[in-house]
Amino acid sequence: MKMRWTMALILGAFALAAGCGGGQAARASQLATVDGDADAAAPVFAANCAGCHGPEGRGKKGSPDLTSDHVRGMSKEKIARVILGGDGPMPGFADKLDDAQVASLIAWIKRGPTQD
């Protein structure tokens, strides 16, 4: 009986984790279709990203340079997935940023953070 209860808990945890991940994947896919306002990203970036990526997005503390061809060449969906779910030491911001904020960050990165 104890074994069944343990298995039920394990399977339930996997189902819950899969459901949470699926929601972020769907949100990232949807955000890839949105044209965000790059100009609105500056305060969002300053408050949430600049601590690791630097004020110009060029990277510090071992974080990627967001102005690099590699990062700017990523799909909007991939950038959204990283912002929402994190990557390596970077935390996810799914619970902290709304869709407009994430879309603005994606637009800012794709445009080039320091472009005039």
Protein backbone atom coordinates (compact mmCIF):
# COMPACT_ATOMS: atom_id res chain seq x y z
CA MET A 1 0.00 0.00 0.00
CA LYS A 2 2.83 2.39 0.87
CA MET A 3 4.46 1.66 -2.50
CA ARG A 4 1.26 2.60 -4.38
CA TRP A 5 1.02 5.87 -2.46
CA THR A 6 4.65 6.68 -3.25
CA MET A 7 4.15 5.90 -6.94
CA ALA A 8 1.02 8.03 -7.04
CA LEU A 9 2.93 10.96 -5.55
CA ILE A 10 5.80 10.55 -8.00
CA LEU A 11 3.49 10.32 -11.01
CA GLY A 12 1.49 13.30 -9.78
CA ALA A 13 4.66 15.38 -9.44
CA PHE A 14 5.71 14.48 -12.99
CA ALA A 15 2.27 15.37 -14.33
CA LEU A 16 2.33 18.70 -12.51
CA ALA A 17 5.83 19.51 -13.79
CA ALA A 18 4.87 18.61 -17.35
CA GLY A 19 1.78 20.80 -17.13
CA CYS A 20 3.76 23.79 -15.87
CA GLY A 21 6.40 23.43 -18.57
CA GLY A 22 3.74 23.09 -21.23
CA GLY A 23 2.17 26.38 -20.18
CA GLN A 24 5.47 28.21 -20.55
CA ALA A 25 6.09 26.62 -23.94
CA ALA A 26 2.67 27.73 -25.14
CA ARG A 27 3.24 31.22 -23.75
CA ALA A 28 6.64 31.42 -25.49
CA SER A 29 5.07 30.33 -28.79
CA GLN A 30 2.38 32.97 -28.45
CA LEU A 31 4.90 35.68 -27.58
CA ALA A 32 6.87 34.84 -30.73
CA THR A 33 3.92 36.16 -32.76
CA VAL A 34 3.77 39.52 -30.94
CA ASP A 35 5.61 42.65 -32.03
CA GLY A 36 6.79 44.13 -28.76
CA ASP A 37 7.67 47.77 -28.12
CA ALA A 38 11.47 47.82 -27.89
CA ASP A 39 11.43 51.37 -26.53
CA ALA A 40 9.31 50.24 -23.56
CA ALA A 41 11.92 47.63 -22.57
CA ALA A 42 14.50 49.96 -21.01
CA PRO A 43 12.98 50.15 -17.50
CA VAL A 44 12.10 46.43 -17.56
CA PHE A 45 15.66 45.57 -18.60
CA ALA A 46 17.17 47.90 -16.00
CA ALA A 47 15.10 46.38 -13.18
CA ASN A 48 15.39 42.71 -14.13
CA CYS A 49 18.31 42.06 -16.48
CA ALA A 50 21.05 44.69 -16.20
CA GLY A 51 22.38 43.28 -12.94
CA CYS A 52 23.81 40.31 -14.85
CA HIS A 53 23.78 41.42 -18.48
CA GLY A 54 25.07 44.95 -17.83
CA PRO A 55 23.33 48.25 -18.59
CA GLU A 56 23.99 47.93 -22.34
CA GLY A 57 23.25 44.20 -22.50
CA ARG A 58 26.87 43.31 -23.29
CA GLY A 59 27.13 40.72 -20.52
CA LYS A 60 28.95 40.54 -17.22
CA LYS A 61 29.28 38.00 -14.42
CA GLY A 62 29.62 35.30 -17.08
CA SER A 63 26.25 36.09 -18.64
CA PRO A 64 25.78 36.21 -22.42
CA ASP A 65 26.26 39.35 -24.46
CA LEU A 66 22.74 40.15 -25.67
CA THR A 67 24.15 42.28 -28.48
CA SER A 68 26.01 39.32 -30.00
CA ASP A 69 25.00 37.92 -33.36
CA HIS A 70 24.38 34.57 -31.65
CA VAL A 71 21.77 35.91 -29.22
CA ARG A 72 20.19 38.37 -31.66
CA GLY A 73 19.98 35.56 -34.21
CA MET A 74 17.88 33.36 -31.91
CA SER A 75 14.22 32.98 -32.76
CA LYS A 76 11.75 35.11 -30.84
CA GLU A 77 10.31 31.90 -29.38
CA LYS A 78 13.73 30.76 -28.09
CA ILE A 79 14.37 34.16 -26.50
CA ALA A 80 10.91 34.01 -24.89
CA ARG A 81 11.60 30.50 -23.54
CA VAL A 82 14.86 31.69 -21.95
CA ILE A 83 13.25 34.78 -20.42
CA LEU A 84 10.28 32.81 -19.08
CA GLY A 85 12.03 29.63 -17.94
CA GLY A 86 15.60 30.69 -17.39
CA ASP A 87 18.71 28.96 -18.67
CA GLY A 88 21.55 27.60 -16.56
CA PRO A 89 22.20 30.10 -13.77
CA MET A 90 19.68 32.58 -15.18
CA PRO A 91 16.35 32.45 -13.33
CA GLY A 92 13.06 32.40 -15.17
CA PHE A 93 10.78 35.42 -15.13
CA ALA A 94 7.46 33.77 -16.04
CA ASP A 95 5.90 34.77 -12.73
CA LYS A 96 7.47 38.23 -12.61
CA LEU A 97 6.99 39.71 -16.10
CA ASP A 98 3.75 40.07 -18.04
CA ASP A 99 3.47 39.35 -21.76
CA ALA A 100 3.93 42.98 -22.82
CA GLN A 101 7.14 43.21 -20.78
CA VAL A 102 8.53 39.97 -22.23
CA ALA A 103 7.56 41.02 -25.77
CA SER A 104 9.30 44.37 -25.27
CA LEU A 105 12.48 42.64 -24.09
CA ILE A 106 12.40 40.32 -27.11
CA ALA A 107 12.02 43.32 -29.44
CA TRP A 108 14.83 45.16 -27.65
CA ILE A 109 17.19 42.20 -28.00
CA LYS A 110 16.28 41.58 -31.65
CA ARG A 111 16.64 45.28 -32.53
CA GLY A 112 19.91 45.64 -30.70
CA PRO A 113 19.85 47.22 -27.24
CA THR A 114 22.21 50.08 -28.11
CA GLN A 115 20.79 50.99 -31.50
CA ASP A 116 19.83 54.65 -31.93
